[in-house]
Amino acid sequence: MYRRRKSGRPRIGPELIALIRKISYENPLWGAPRIHGELLKLGFSLAQSTVSKYMLPRDGRPSQSWETFLRNHASAIAAVDLLTVFTLTLERLYVFVALAHGGRRMLHVEVTNRPSAAWLCYALSWAVARDSSCAILVRDNDARFSASFRDRIRSLGLDDRPTRPASPWQNGHVERLIGSIRRECLDHVVVLGAEHLRRLMADYVAYYNSDRTHLALGKETPLGRTIERRGRIVSEARLGGLHRRYRRIR
């Protein structure tokens, strides 16, 4: 008797299922979009829903979605904010974070225990120097962004766009980045001091820009990753083993 072939996506093999579960097991902070992005870079063609089906469950995982804004000028926007971190001895440290909207590239980070106006101006200058396309600066109304900081914004030829009070969604990209830094790194380590935090942030910038795939970039990385279709798959630790980079070698 003739049997009609069922429609739908072709089944994936047991080796790919095992790889999905391996990546899911080794990276408990990753969801289906991140795992799917890695698999695309390894040359596999499959749907994100397939990854969701076979990955290990992530019960109670918080949503990472945020509203975005100013899309029409994304390629010219840089956003900045301050992240507060407490060390093992309860010392309060501050991290200056600068992000390019268009390519989702982290431009610069700085760490201090005293975020003076001069320090903020220095950090901003470094951030802008790393991306000549920046013409608009988005920031919140933190009192630390003083008159001298605003003067520095103008001297750099930037259009200053402060957000409205109590409206973090207006600086959604950098707010989401800070959330990622916490969830993917700082929530899982004990910071020993300023130098330790600087090393962590430097490692995170390298991971974020070169290794981590992004939904907003079509599951590409800010600096780009080639798709590798041939060779044996190996994994390399990132951020002390919190995350992994998968690549093929021959």
C-alpha atoms as a PDB file:
ATOM      1  CA  MET A   1       0.000   0.000   0.000  1.00  0.00           C
ATOM      2  CA  TYR A   2       1.357   3.447  -0.960  1.00  0.00           C
ATOM      3  CA  ARG A   3       2.131   5.743   1.956  1.00  0.00           C
ATOM      4  CA  ARG A   4       2.110   9.428   1.503  1.00  0.00           C
ATOM      5  CA  ARG A   5       5.308  11.128   2.634  1.00  0.00           C
ATOM      6  CA  LYS A   6       4.852  13.494   5.547  1.00  0.00           C
ATOM      7  CA  SER A   7       5.660  17.151   4.923  1.00  0.00           C
ATOM      8  CA  GLY A   8       7.732  19.371   7.151  1.00  0.00           C
ATOM      9  CA  ARG A   9      11.372  19.937   7.984  1.00  0.00           C
ATOM     10  CA  PRO A  10      13.766  17.021   7.547  1.00  0.00           C
ATOM     11  CA  ARG A  11      14.860  15.288  10.705  1.00  0.00           C
ATOM     12  CA  ILE A  12      18.307  16.042  12.053  1.00  0.00           C
ATOM     13  CA  GLY A  13      20.769  13.313  12.848  1.00  0.00           C
ATOM     14  CA  PRO A  14      21.751  12.015  16.288  1.00  0.00           C
ATOM     15  CA  GLU A  15      25.197  13.620  16.055  1.00  0.00           C
ATOM     16  CA  LEU A  16      23.706  17.096  15.658  1.00  0.00           C
ATOM     17  CA  ILE A  17      21.230  16.447  18.477  1.00  0.00           C
ATOM     18  CA  ALA A  18      24.141  15.398  20.692  1.00  0.00           C
ATOM     19  CA  LEU A  19      26.038  18.568  19.731  1.00  0.00           C
ATOM     20  CA  ILE A  20      23.043  20.766  20.614  1.00  0.00           C
ATOM     21  CA  ARG A  21      22.818  19.098  24.012  1.00  0.00           C
ATOM     22  CA  LYS A  22      26.572  19.335  24.544  1.00  0.00           C
ATOM     23  CA  ILE A  23      26.619  23.074  23.815  1.00  0.00           C
ATOM     24  CA  SER A  24      23.538  23.536  25.994  1.00  0.00           C
ATOM     25  CA  TYR A  25      25.151  21.602  28.855  1.00  0.00           C
ATOM     26  CA  GLU A  26      28.488  23.421  28.615  1.00  0.00           C
ATOM     27  CA  ASN A  27      26.836  26.867  28.473  1.00  0.00           C
ATOM     28  CA  PRO A  28      24.019  26.994  31.042  1.00  0.00           C
ATOM     29  CA  LEU A  29      23.638  30.753  30.471  1.00  0.00           C
ATOM     30  CA  TRP A  30      22.789  30.316  26.783  1.00  0.00           C
ATOM     31  CA  GLY A  31      19.307  30.081  25.323  1.00  0.00           C
ATOM     32  CA  ALA A  32      18.175  28.734  21.962  1.00  0.00           C
ATOM     33  CA  PRO A  33      19.081  31.910  19.978  1.00  0.00           C
ATOM     34  CA  ARG A  34      22.694  31.842  21.179  1.00  0.00           C
ATOM     35  CA  ILE A  35      23.094  28.104  20.528  1.00  0.00           C
ATOM     36  CA  HIS A  36      21.471  28.507  17.115  1.00  0.00           C
ATOM     37  CA  GLY A  37      23.923  31.286  16.282  1.00  0.00           C
ATOM     38  CA  GLU A  38      26.877  29.057  17.137  1.00  0.00           C
ATOM     39  CA  LEU A  39      25.520  26.224  14.990  1.00  0.00           C
ATOM     40  CA  LEU A  40      25.037  28.558  12.028  1.00  0.00           C
ATOM     41  CA  LYS A  41      28.695  29.537  12.346  1.00  0.00           C
ATOM     42  CA  LEU A  42      29.628  25.865  12.293  1.00  0.00           C
ATOM     43  CA  GLY A  43      27.877  25.400   8.968  1.00  0.00           C
ATOM     44  CA  PHE A  44      24.669  23.711  10.116  1.00  0.00           C
ATOM     45  CA  SER A  45      21.326  24.617   8.537  1.00  0.00           C
ATOM     46  CA  LEU A  46      18.474  24.204  10.983  1.00  0.00           C
ATOM     47  CA  ALA A  47      15.677  26.213  12.565  1.00  0.00           C
ATOM     48  CA  GLN A  48      15.944  27.848  15.972  1.00  0.00           C
ATOM     49  CA  SER A  49      12.818  25.912  16.960  1.00  0.00           C
ATOM     50  CA  THR A  50      14.771  22.693  16.388  1.00  0.00           C
ATOM     51  CA  VAL A  51      17.434  23.899  18.800  1.00  0.00           C
ATOM     52  CA  SER A  52      14.721  24.709  21.350  1.00  0.00           C
ATOM     53  CA  LYS A  53      13.337  21.208  20.949  1.00  0.00           C
ATOM     54  CA  TYR A  54      16.589  19.379  21.713  1.00  0.00           C
ATOM     55  CA  MET A  55      18.479  21.690  24.087  1.00  0.00           C
ATOM     56  CA  LEU A  56      18.449  21.153  27.825  1.00  0.00           C
ATOM     57  CA  PRO A  57      15.559  22.960  29.583  1.00  0.00           C
ATOM     58  CA  ARG A  58      16.112  26.429  31.038  1.00  0.00           C
ATOM     59  CA  ASP A  59      13.422  26.712  33.682  1.00  0.00           C
ATOM     60  CA  GLY A  60      12.836  30.197  35.007  1.00  0.00           C
ATOM     61  CA  ARG A  61      15.218  31.852  32.548  1.00  0.00           C
ATOM     62  CA  PRO A  62      14.608  35.616  32.482  1.00  0.00           C
ATOM     63  CA  SER A  63      13.599  37.331  29.270  1.00  0.00           C
ATOM     64  CA  GLN A  64      16.301  39.372  27.581  1.00  0.00           C
ATOM     65  CA  SER A  65      14.073  41.360  25.261  1.00  0.00           C
ATOM     66  CA  TRP A  66      14.121  45.198  25.403  1.00  0.00           C
ATOM     67  CA  GLU A  67      12.437  47.994  23.481  1.00  0.00           C
ATOM     68  CA  THR A  68      14.767  49.868  21.148  1.00  0.00           C
ATOM     69  CA  PHE A  69      14.561  53.324  19.732  1.00  0.00           C
ATOM     70  CA  LEU A  70      16.177  55.786  17.309  1.00  0.00           C
ATOM     71  CA  ARG A  71      16.526  53.075  14.661  1.00  0.00           C
ATOM     72  CA  ASN A  72      16.744  55.554  11.819  1.00  0.00           C
ATOM     73  CA  HIS A  73      20.105  56.838  13.088  1.00  0.00           C
ATOM     74  CA  ALA A  74      21.490  53.648  14.608  1.00  0.00           C
ATOM     75  CA  SER A  75      24.717  53.699  12.587  1.00  0.00           C
ATOM     76  CA  ALA A  76      25.656  57.104  14.034  1.00  0.00           C
ATOM     77  CA  ILE A  77      24.695  56.518  17.690  1.00  0.00           C
ATOM     78  CA  ALA A  78      26.921  55.695  20.616  1.00  0.00           C
ATOM     79  CA  ALA A  79      25.355  55.066  24.021  1.00  0.00           C
ATOM     80  CA  VAL A  80      27.045  55.282  27.416  1.00  0.00           C
ATOM     81  CA  ASP A  81      26.148  54.366  30.968  1.00  0.00           C
ATOM     82  CA  LEU A  82      27.686  53.462  34.327  1.00  0.00           C
ATOM     83  CA  LEU A  83      27.587  50.023  35.898  1.00  0.00           C
ATOM     84  CA  THR A  84      28.064  49.611  39.659  1.00  0.00           C
ATOM     85  CA  VAL A  85      29.969  46.586  40.980  1.00  0.00           C
ATOM     86  CA  PHE A  86      30.789  45.579  44.571  1.00  0.00           C
ATOM     87  CA  THR A  87      33.986  43.696  45.351  1.00  0.00           C
ATOM     88  CA  LEU A  88      34.620  40.923  47.873  1.00  0.00           C
ATOM     89  CA  THR A  89      35.464  43.601  50.477  1.00  0.00           C
ATOM     90  CA  LEU A  90      32.314  45.597  49.574  1.00  0.00           C
ATOM     91  CA  GLU A  91      34.258  48.302  47.777  1.00  0.00           C
ATOM     92  CA  ARG A  92      32.044  50.077  45.254  1.00  0.00           C
ATOM     93  CA  LEU A  93      33.480  50.229  41.742  1.00  0.00           C
ATOM     94  CA  TYR A  94      32.109  51.911  38.633  1.00  0.00           C
ATOM     95  CA  VAL A  95      32.359  50.688  35.052  1.00  0.00           C
ATOM     96  CA  PHE A  96      31.917  53.140  32.192  1.00  0.00           C
ATOM     97  CA  VAL A  97      30.384  51.294  29.224  1.00  0.00           C
ATOM     98  CA  ALA A  98      30.172  52.647  25.653  1.00  0.00           C
ATOM     99  CA  LEU A  99      28.281  50.847  22.881  1.00  0.00           C
ATOM    100  CA  ALA A 100      27.887  51.565  19.156  1.00  0.00           C
ATOM    101  CA  HIS A 101      24.216  51.051  18.278  1.00  0.00           C
ATOM    102  CA  GLY A 102      24.518  50.093  14.631  1.00  0.00           C
ATOM    103  CA  GLY A 103      26.961  47.214  14.905  1.00  0.00           C
ATOM    104  CA  ARG A 104      26.312  46.435  18.593  1.00  0.00           C
ATOM    105  CA  ARG A 105      30.058  46.769  19.166  1.00  0.00           C
ATOM    106  CA  MET A 106      31.388  47.541  22.623  1.00  0.00           C
ATOM    107  CA  LEU A 107      33.596  50.570  22.065  1.00  0.00           C
ATOM    108  CA  HIS A 108      35.250  51.012  25.435  1.00  0.00           C
ATOM    109  CA  VAL A 109      35.118  50.212  29.147  1.00  0.00           C
ATOM    110  CA  GLU A 110      36.853  51.935  32.061  1.00  0.00           C
ATOM    111  CA  VAL A 111      36.905  51.030  35.778  1.00  0.00           C
ATOM    112  CA  THR A 112      37.313  53.331  38.766  1.00  0.00           C
ATOM    113  CA  ASN A 113      36.223  53.795  42.369  1.00  0.00           C
ATOM    114  CA  ARG A 114      35.723  57.546  41.847  1.00  0.00           C
ATOM    115  CA  PRO A 115      33.885  58.512  38.648  1.00  0.00           C
ATOM    116  CA  SER A 116      34.991  62.142  38.516  1.00  0.00           C
ATOM    117  CA  ALA A 117      34.076  64.483  35.674  1.00  0.00           C
ATOM    118  CA  ALA A 118      37.657  64.345  34.368  1.00  0.00           C
ATOM    119  CA  TRP A 119      37.608  60.533  34.380  1.00  0.00           C
ATOM    120  CA  LEU A 120      34.287  60.426  32.525  1.00  0.00           C
ATOM    121  CA  CYS A 121      35.578  62.876  29.906  1.00  0.00           C
ATOM    122  CA  TYR A 122      38.693  60.722  29.432  1.00  0.00           C
ATOM    123  CA  ALA A 123      36.600  57.555  29.028  1.00  0.00           C
ATOM    124  CA  LEU A 124      34.261  59.255  26.555  1.00  0.00           C
ATOM    125  CA  SER A 125      37.182  60.501  24.456  1.00  0.00           C
ATOM    126  CA  TRP A 126      38.573  56.967  24.159  1.00  0.00           C
ATOM    127  CA  ALA A 127      35.173  55.564  23.215  1.00  0.00           C
ATOM    128  CA  VAL A 128      34.566  58.104  20.446  1.00  0.00           C
ATOM    129  CA  ALA A 129      38.097  57.647  19.106  1.00  0.00           C
ATOM    130  CA  ARG A 130      37.305  53.979  18.442  1.00  0.00           C
ATOM    131  CA  ASP A 131      34.427  54.757  16.059  1.00  0.00           C
ATOM    132  CA  SER A 132      34.656  57.777  13.771  1.00  0.00           C
ATOM    133  CA  SER A 133      31.039  57.303  12.624  1.00  0.00           C
ATOM    134  CA  CYS A 134      29.612  58.302  16.018  1.00  0.00           C
ATOM    135  CA  ALA A 135      27.703  61.562  15.753  1.00  0.00           C
ATOM    136  CA  ILE A 136      25.016  61.188  18.439  1.00  0.00           C
ATOM    137  CA  LEU A 137      25.542  60.340  22.092  1.00  0.00           C
ATOM    138  CA  VAL A 138      22.690  58.812  24.099  1.00  0.00           C
ATOM    139  CA  ARG A 139      22.974  58.900  27.900  1.00  0.00           C
ATOM    140  CA  ASP A 140      20.777  59.119  30.961  1.00  0.00           C
ATOM    141  CA  ASN A 141      20.508  62.039  33.382  1.00  0.00           C
ATOM    142  CA  ASP A 142      22.891  60.723  36.026  1.00  0.00           C
ATOM    143  CA  ALA A 143      24.211  63.643  38.089  1.00  0.00           C
ATOM    144  CA  ARG A 144      27.747  62.450  37.340  1.00  0.00           C
ATOM    145  CA  PHE A 145      27.279  63.568  33.736  1.00  0.00           C
ATOM    146  CA  SER A 146      28.029  67.112  34.826  1.00  0.00           C
ATOM    147  CA  ALA A 147      28.346  70.383  32.917  1.00  0.00           C
ATOM    148  CA  SER A 148      32.022  69.680  32.141  1.00  0.00           C
ATOM    149  CA  PHE A 149      31.057  66.277  30.726  1.00  0.00           C
ATOM    150  CA  ARG A 150      28.406  67.906  28.540  1.00  0.00           C
ATOM    151  CA  ASP A 151      30.998  70.454  27.393  1.00  0.00           C
ATOM    152  CA  ARG A 152      33.260  67.563  26.425  1.00  0.00           C
ATOM    153  CA  ILE A 153      30.433  66.018  24.381  1.00  0.00           C
ATOM    154  CA  ARG A 154      30.087  69.246  22.401  1.00  0.00           C
ATOM    155  CA  SER A 155      33.868  69.652  21.969  1.00  0.00           C
ATOM    156  CA  LEU A 156      33.957  66.202  20.362  1.00  0.00           C
ATOM    157  CA  GLY A 157      31.321  67.317  17.859  1.00  0.00           C
ATOM    158  CA  LEU A 158      28.617  65.017  19.203  1.00  0.00           C
ATOM    159  CA  ASP A 159      24.882  65.670  19.334  1.00  0.00           C
ATOM    160  CA  ASP A 160      23.974  65.207  23.012  1.00  0.00           C
ATOM    161  CA  ARG A 161      20.721  63.260  23.453  1.00  0.00           C
ATOM    162  CA  PRO A 162      19.965  62.721  27.161  1.00  0.00           C
ATOM    163  CA  THR A 163      17.022  60.477  27.955  1.00  0.00           C
ATOM    164  CA  ARG A 164      14.003  61.596  29.924  1.00  0.00           C
ATOM    165  CA  PRO A 165      14.048  61.017  33.695  1.00  0.00           C
ATOM    166  CA  ALA A 166      12.989  57.519  34.806  1.00  0.00           C
ATOM    167  CA  SER A 167      12.954  56.260  31.188  1.00  0.00           C
ATOM    168  CA  PRO A 168      15.639  53.562  30.952  1.00  0.00           C
ATOM    169  CA  TRP A 169      13.925  52.119  27.839  1.00  0.00           C
ATOM    170  CA  GLN A 170      15.117  55.169  25.902  1.00  0.00           C
ATOM    171  CA  ASN A 171      18.672  53.916  26.338  1.00  0.00           C
ATOM    172  CA  GLY A 172      17.577  50.354  25.711  1.00  0.00           C
ATOM    173  CA  HIS A 173      20.664  49.035  23.893  1.00  0.00           C
ATOM    174  CA  VAL A 174      23.162  49.885  26.594  1.00  0.00           C
ATOM    175  CA  GLU A 175      20.727  48.878  29.353  1.00  0.00           C
ATOM    176  CA  ARG A 176      20.442  45.493  27.704  1.00  0.00           C
ATOM    177  CA  LEU A 177      24.226  45.288  27.375  1.00  0.00           C
ATOM    178  CA  ILE A 178      24.659  45.968  31.091  1.00  0.00           C
ATOM    179  CA  GLY A 179      22.101  43.249  31.803  1.00  0.00           C
ATOM    180  CA  SER A 180      24.100  40.861  29.622  1.00  0.00           C
ATOM    181  CA  ILE A 181      27.331  41.744  31.407  1.00  0.00           C
ATOM    182  CA  ARG A 182      25.713  40.902  34.722  1.00  0.00           C
ATOM    183  CA  ARG A 183      23.917  37.723  33.629  1.00  0.00           C
ATOM    184  CA  GLU A 184      26.753  36.353  31.519  1.00  0.00           C
ATOM    185  CA  CYS A 185      29.725  37.352  33.671  1.00  0.00           C
ATOM    186  CA  LEU A 186      29.511  39.353  36.888  1.00  0.00           C
ATOM    187  CA  ASP A 187      26.685  37.354  38.489  1.00  0.00           C
ATOM    188  CA  HIS A 188      28.950  34.289  38.378  1.00  0.00           C
ATOM    189  CA  VAL A 189      32.253  35.621  39.732  1.00  0.00           C
ATOM    190  CA  VAL A 190      33.498  37.324  42.886  1.00  0.00           C
ATOM    191  CA  VAL A 191      35.294  40.553  42.003  1.00  0.00           C
ATOM    192  CA  LEU A 192      38.469  40.915  44.059  1.00  0.00           C
ATOM    193  CA  GLY A 193      39.335  44.500  43.194  1.00  0.00           C
ATOM    194  CA  ALA A 194      39.670  47.121  40.477  1.00  0.00           C
ATOM    195  CA  GLU A 195      42.428  45.338  38.548  1.00  0.00           C
ATOM    196  CA  HIS A 196      40.502  42.069  38.619  1.00  0.00           C
ATOM    197  CA  LEU A 197      37.411  43.851  37.307  1.00  0.00           C
ATOM    198  CA  ARG A 198      39.435  45.508  34.528  1.00  0.00           C
ATOM    199  CA  ARG A 199      40.675  42.100  33.363  1.00  0.00           C
ATOM    200  CA  LEU A 200      37.157  40.667  33.487  1.00  0.00           C
ATOM    201  CA  MET A 201      35.777  43.553  31.473  1.00  0.00           C
ATOM    202  CA  ALA A 202      38.579  43.353  28.905  1.00  0.00           C
ATOM    203  CA  ASP A 203      37.889  39.639  28.462  1.00  0.00           C
ATOM    204  CA  TYR A 204      34.156  40.291  28.166  1.00  0.00           C
ATOM    205  CA  VAL A 205      34.666  42.982  25.516  1.00  0.00           C
ATOM    206  CA  ALA A 206      36.765  40.558  23.440  1.00  0.00           C
ATOM    207  CA  TYR A 207      34.156  37.800  23.863  1.00  0.00           C
ATOM    208  CA  TYR A 208      31.212  40.097  23.146  1.00  0.00           C
ATOM    209  CA  ASN A 209      32.706  41.641  20.006  1.00  0.00           C
ATOM    210  CA  SER A 210      34.363  38.587  18.450  1.00  0.00           C
ATOM    211  CA  ASP A 211      32.622  35.423  19.700  1.00  0.00           C
ATOM    212  CA  ARG A 212      29.080  36.117  20.885  1.00  0.00           C
ATOM    213  CA  THR A 213      26.350  35.964  18.223  1.00  0.00           C
ATOM    214  CA  HIS A 214      23.607  38.602  18.390  1.00  0.00           C
ATOM    215  CA  LEU A 215      19.944  38.415  17.454  1.00  0.00           C
ATOM    216  CA  ALA A 216      19.926  42.020  16.221  1.00  0.00           C
ATOM    217  CA  LEU A 217      22.777  41.249  13.817  1.00  0.00           C
ATOM    218  CA  GLY A 218      21.131  38.198  12.292  1.00  0.00           C
ATOM    219  CA  LYS A 219      23.156  35.961  14.633  1.00  0.00           C
ATOM    220  CA  GLU A 220      26.434  37.479  13.534  1.00  0.00           C
ATOM    221  CA  THR A 221      29.071  38.937  15.857  1.00  0.00           C
ATOM    222  CA  PRO A 222      29.906  42.676  15.923  1.00  0.00           C
ATOM    223  CA  LEU A 223      33.336  42.065  14.372  1.00  0.00           C
ATOM    224  CA  GLY A 224      32.190  39.161  12.202  1.00  0.00           C
ATOM    225  CA  ARG A 225      32.825  35.405  12.268  1.00  0.00           C
ATOM    226  CA  THR A 226      33.412  33.203   9.266  1.00  0.00           C
ATOM    227  CA  ILE A 227      31.205  30.180   8.738  1.00  0.00           C
ATOM    228  CA  GLU A 228      33.256  26.981   9.059  1.00  0.00           C
ATOM    229  CA  ARG A 229      31.781  23.974   7.271  1.00  0.00           C
ATOM    230  CA  ARG A 230      34.575  21.428   7.406  1.00  0.00           C
ATOM    231  CA  GLY A 231      36.760  19.958  10.097  1.00  0.00           C
ATOM    232  CA  ARG A 232      36.481  18.567  13.574  1.00  0.00           C
ATOM    233  CA  ILE A 233      34.539  20.691  16.078  1.00  0.00           C
ATOM    234  CA  VAL A 234      36.462  21.799  19.150  1.00  0.00           C
ATOM    235  CA  SER A 235      35.525  24.184  21.954  1.00  0.00           C
ATOM    236  CA  GLU A 236      37.627  26.869  23.608  1.00  0.00           C
ATOM    237  CA  ALA A 237      36.893  28.377  27.014  1.00  0.00           C
ATOM    238  CA  ARG A 238      35.957  32.039  27.267  1.00  0.00           C
ATOM    239  CA  LEU A 239      35.664  34.098  30.463  1.00  0.00           C
ATOM    240  CA  GLY A 240      37.222  31.366  32.578  1.00  0.00           C
ATOM    241  CA  GLY A 241      34.879  28.707  31.198  1.00  0.00           C
ATOM    242  CA  LEU A 242      31.593  30.600  31.674  1.00  0.00           C
ATOM    243  CA  HIS A 243      31.163  30.495  27.905  1.00  0.00           C
ATOM    244  CA  ARG A 244      32.631  28.627  24.949  1.00  0.00           C
ATOM    245  CA  ARG A 245      33.740  29.407  21.413  1.00  0.00           C
ATOM    246  CA  TYR A 246      33.190  26.576  18.955  1.00  0.00           C
ATOM    247  CA  ARG A 247      35.309  26.223  15.851  1.00  0.00           C
ATOM    248  CA  ARG A 248      36.375  23.639  13.315  1.00  0.00           C
ATOM    249  CA  ILE A 249      39.934  22.471  12.850  1.00  0.00           C
ATOM    250  CA  ARG A 250      41.408  20.156  10.243  1.00  0.00           C
END
